[in-house]
């Protein structure tokens, strides 16, 4: 069975340590390949009005996100700026792919906002957000893998319809 490709999205350096723990848990499973993507380091800008060219910082991440079969969003306890902008820039790469959210208890308001933004793409948001404990992370990765495999097959057989722009 081909491994699933997972992208872990973070919004800045404070989220790197928990994201690395999630990446390690995913890697140990053996059925997941993992990329850790720091959207702040990528200098992801705010989404501009329609009609302006796409910045190179955004274009550079497209192949990485397009290759992903699923995503884990590490929800920060504070500002989530780059993560809030990600669905606007990468709607095509997120569409019809599962997205799980991991964060601390204080991150619930940010998680709810991010969940709504990713669902609007539409990505398939996975269950409730969980913490970074080993059991929570393993449960989220199990559920993400469960959704990622059939959705990958469905996208290959019958691509999801493109966005209709006004």
Protein backbone atom coordinates (compact mmCIF):
# COMPACT_ATOMS: atom_id res chain seq x y z
CA UNK A 1 0.00 0.00 0.00
CA UNK A 2 1.38 3.41 -0.98
CA UNK A 3 2.13 5.64 1.99
CA UNK A 4 -0.04 8.69 2.49
CA UNK A 5 1.61 12.07 2.25
CA UNK A 6 0.85 14.30 5.24
CA UNK A 7 1.60 18.02 5.54
CA UNK A 8 1.77 19.49 9.04
CA UNK A 9 1.02 23.22 8.90
CA UNK A 10 2.24 25.61 11.58
CA UNK A 11 1.91 29.35 11.95
CA UNK A 12 5.25 30.15 13.54
CA UNK A 13 8.23 29.08 15.67
CA UNK A 14 6.30 28.53 18.94
CA UNK A 15 4.34 25.75 17.22
CA UNK A 16 7.44 23.96 15.90
CA UNK A 17 8.14 21.71 18.92
CA UNK A 18 4.61 20.25 19.14
CA UNK A 19 4.53 19.88 15.35
CA UNK A 20 7.80 17.95 15.42
CA UNK A 21 6.31 15.59 18.03
CA UNK A 22 3.30 15.02 15.77
CA UNK A 23 5.63 14.44 12.79
CA UNK A 24 7.60 11.88 14.80
CA UNK A 25 4.41 10.01 15.78
CA UNK A 26 3.26 10.04 12.15
CA UNK A 27 6.63 8.86 10.86
CA UNK A 28 6.70 5.95 13.33
CA UNK A 29 3.45 4.58 11.93
CA UNK A 30 5.15 3.57 8.69
CA UNK A 31 2.18 4.44 6.46
CA UNK A 32 2.70 8.23 6.44
CA UNK A 33 5.28 10.45 4.80
CA UNK A 34 5.48 13.84 6.49
CA UNK A 35 6.35 17.43 5.54
CA UNK A 36 6.45 20.13 8.20
CA UNK A 37 5.52 23.50 6.70
CA UNK A 38 5.96 26.73 8.64
CA UNK A 39 3.74 29.28 6.93
CA UNK A 40 5.41 32.16 8.77
CA UNK A 41 8.86 31.15 7.53
CA UNK A 42 7.36 30.92 4.05
CA UNK A 43 6.30 34.59 4.40
CA UNK A 44 2.74 33.75 3.45
CA UNK A 45 1.05 37.10 2.82
CA UNK A 46 -2.55 38.07 3.42
CA UNK A 47 -4.92 37.16 0.61
CA UNK A 48 -5.22 40.11 -1.78
CA UNK A 49 -8.26 41.20 -3.77
CA UNK A 50 -8.95 39.15 -6.91
CA UNK A 51 -7.00 39.94 -10.03
CA UNK A 52 -3.58 40.57 -8.51
CA UNK A 53 -0.70 38.21 -9.33
CA UNK A 54 0.08 35.39 -6.94
CA UNK A 55 3.27 36.13 -4.97
CA UNK A 56 6.22 33.77 -5.42
CA UNK A 57 6.11 32.88 -1.69
CA UNK A 58 2.66 31.40 -2.31
CA UNK A 59 3.59 29.70 -5.60
CA UNK A 60 6.61 28.01 -3.99
CA UNK A 61 4.41 26.02 -1.59
CA UNK A 62 1.84 24.86 -4.16
CA UNK A 63 3.67 21.63 -5.14
CA UNK A 64 4.17 20.64 -1.49
CA UNK A 65 0.52 21.17 -0.61
CA UNK A 66 -0.77 19.64 -3.83
CA UNK A 67 1.20 16.45 -3.09
CA UNK A 68 -0.35 16.10 0.38
CA UNK A 69 -3.13 13.58 0.92
CA UNK A 70 -4.07 15.19 4.23
CA UNK A 71 -3.14 17.95 6.63
CA UNK A 72 -2.63 18.49 10.33
CA UNK A 73 -2.99 22.10 11.43
CA UNK A 74 -1.19 22.89 14.67
CA UNK A 75 -3.48 25.47 16.22
CA UNK A 76 -1.64 28.21 18.10
CA UNK A 77 -2.89 29.56 21.40
CA UNK A 78 -2.40 33.10 20.17
CA UNK A 79 -2.33 34.62 16.69
CA UNK A 80 -3.06 32.32 13.76
CA UNK A 81 -2.50 34.82 10.88
CA UNK A 82 -0.69 32.66 8.32
CA UNK A 83 -2.99 29.71 9.05
CA UNK A 84 -6.03 31.94 8.54
CA UNK A 85 -4.69 32.99 5.13
CA UNK A 86 -3.81 29.46 3.97
CA UNK A 87 -7.30 28.40 2.79
CA UNK A 88 -7.57 31.56 0.69
CA UNK A 89 -4.27 30.96 -1.08
CA UNK A 90 -4.43 27.18 -1.33
CA UNK A 91 -8.09 26.33 -1.90
CA UNK A 92 -7.26 24.11 -4.90
CA UNK A 93 -4.62 22.18 -2.95
CA UNK A 94 -6.84 21.69 0.12
CA UNK A 95 -10.10 20.84 -1.66
CA UNK A 96 -11.50 17.38 -0.87
CA UNK A 97 -8.62 16.51 1.45
CA UNK A 98 -8.89 15.77 5.17
CA UNK A 99 -7.66 18.34 7.68
CA UNK A 100 -7.17 17.61 11.39
CA UNK A 101 -6.59 20.20 14.10
CA UNK A 102 -4.29 19.76 17.10
CA UNK A 103 -3.91 22.36 19.81
CA UNK A 104 -3.98 23.11 23.51
CA UNK A 105 -7.18 23.86 25.43
CA UNK A 106 -6.60 27.60 25.13
CA UNK A 107 -6.60 27.30 21.34
CA UNK A 108 -10.30 26.38 21.02
CA UNK A 109 -11.50 29.76 19.68
CA UNK A 110 -8.73 29.80 17.06
CA UNK A 111 -9.48 26.17 16.18
CA UNK A 112 -13.17 26.93 15.57
CA UNK A 113 -12.27 29.84 13.28
CA UNK A 114 -9.71 27.77 11.35
CA UNK A 115 -12.11 24.82 11.07
CA UNK A 116 -14.72 27.07 9.45
CA UNK A 117 -12.20 28.58 7.02
CA UNK A 118 -10.84 25.19 5.93
CA UNK A 119 -14.33 23.69 5.62
CA UNK A 120 -15.34 26.54 3.29
CA UNK A 121 -12.67 25.49 0.74
CA UNK A 122 -14.13 22.73 1.03
CA UNK A 123 -11.63 20.55 2.85
CA UNK A 124 -12.91 17.64 4.93
CA UNK A 125 -12.38 18.68 8.54
CA UNK A 126 -11.75 15.72 10.81
CA UNK A 127 -13.67 15.35 14.04
CA UNK A 128 -12.94 17.48 17.07
CA UNK A 129 -9.61 19.09 17.77
CA UNK A 130 -7.33 17.19 20.11
CA UNK A 131 -4.35 17.90 22.29
CA UNK A 132 -0.76 16.79 21.83
CA UNK A 133 -0.83 13.75 24.08
CA UNK A 134 0.32 10.50 22.49
CA UNK A 135 -3.16 8.95 22.52
CA UNK A 136 -4.80 12.10 21.15
CA UNK A 137 -2.23 12.42 18.38
CA UNK A 138 -2.46 8.74 17.46
CA UNK A 139 -6.26 8.92 17.37
CA UNK A 140 -6.18 11.99 15.12
CA UNK A 141 -3.61 10.40 12.80
CA UNK A 142 -5.72 7.21 12.60
CA UNK A 143 -8.80 9.19 11.65
CA UNK A 144 -6.89 11.37 9.20
CA UNK A 145 -5.43 8.30 7.47
CA UNK A 146 -8.88 6.69 7.37
CA UNK A 147 -10.24 9.69 5.45
CA UNK A 148 -7.13 10.37 3.36
CA UNK A 149 -6.92 7.02 1.57
CA UNK A 150 -10.48 6.87 0.12
CA UNK A 151 -10.44 10.60 -0.66
CA UNK A 152 -7.15 10.19 -2.57
CA UNK A 153 -8.72 7.37 -4.59
CA UNK A 154 -11.88 9.40 -5.21
CA UNK A 155 -9.91 12.45 -6.41
CA UNK A 156 -7.93 10.23 -8.79
CA UNK A 157 -11.07 8.66 -10.30
CA UNK A 158 -13.32 11.69 -10.28
CA UNK A 159 -11.61 15.04 -9.55
CA UNK A 160 -13.48 17.41 -7.30
CA UNK A 161 -15.12 20.26 -9.28
CA UNK A 162 -13.04 23.45 -9.51
CA UNK A 163 -14.08 26.62 -7.74
CA UNK A 164 -16.45 28.83 -9.64
CA UNK A 165 -15.13 32.39 -9.63
CA UNK A 166 -17.63 35.24 -10.02
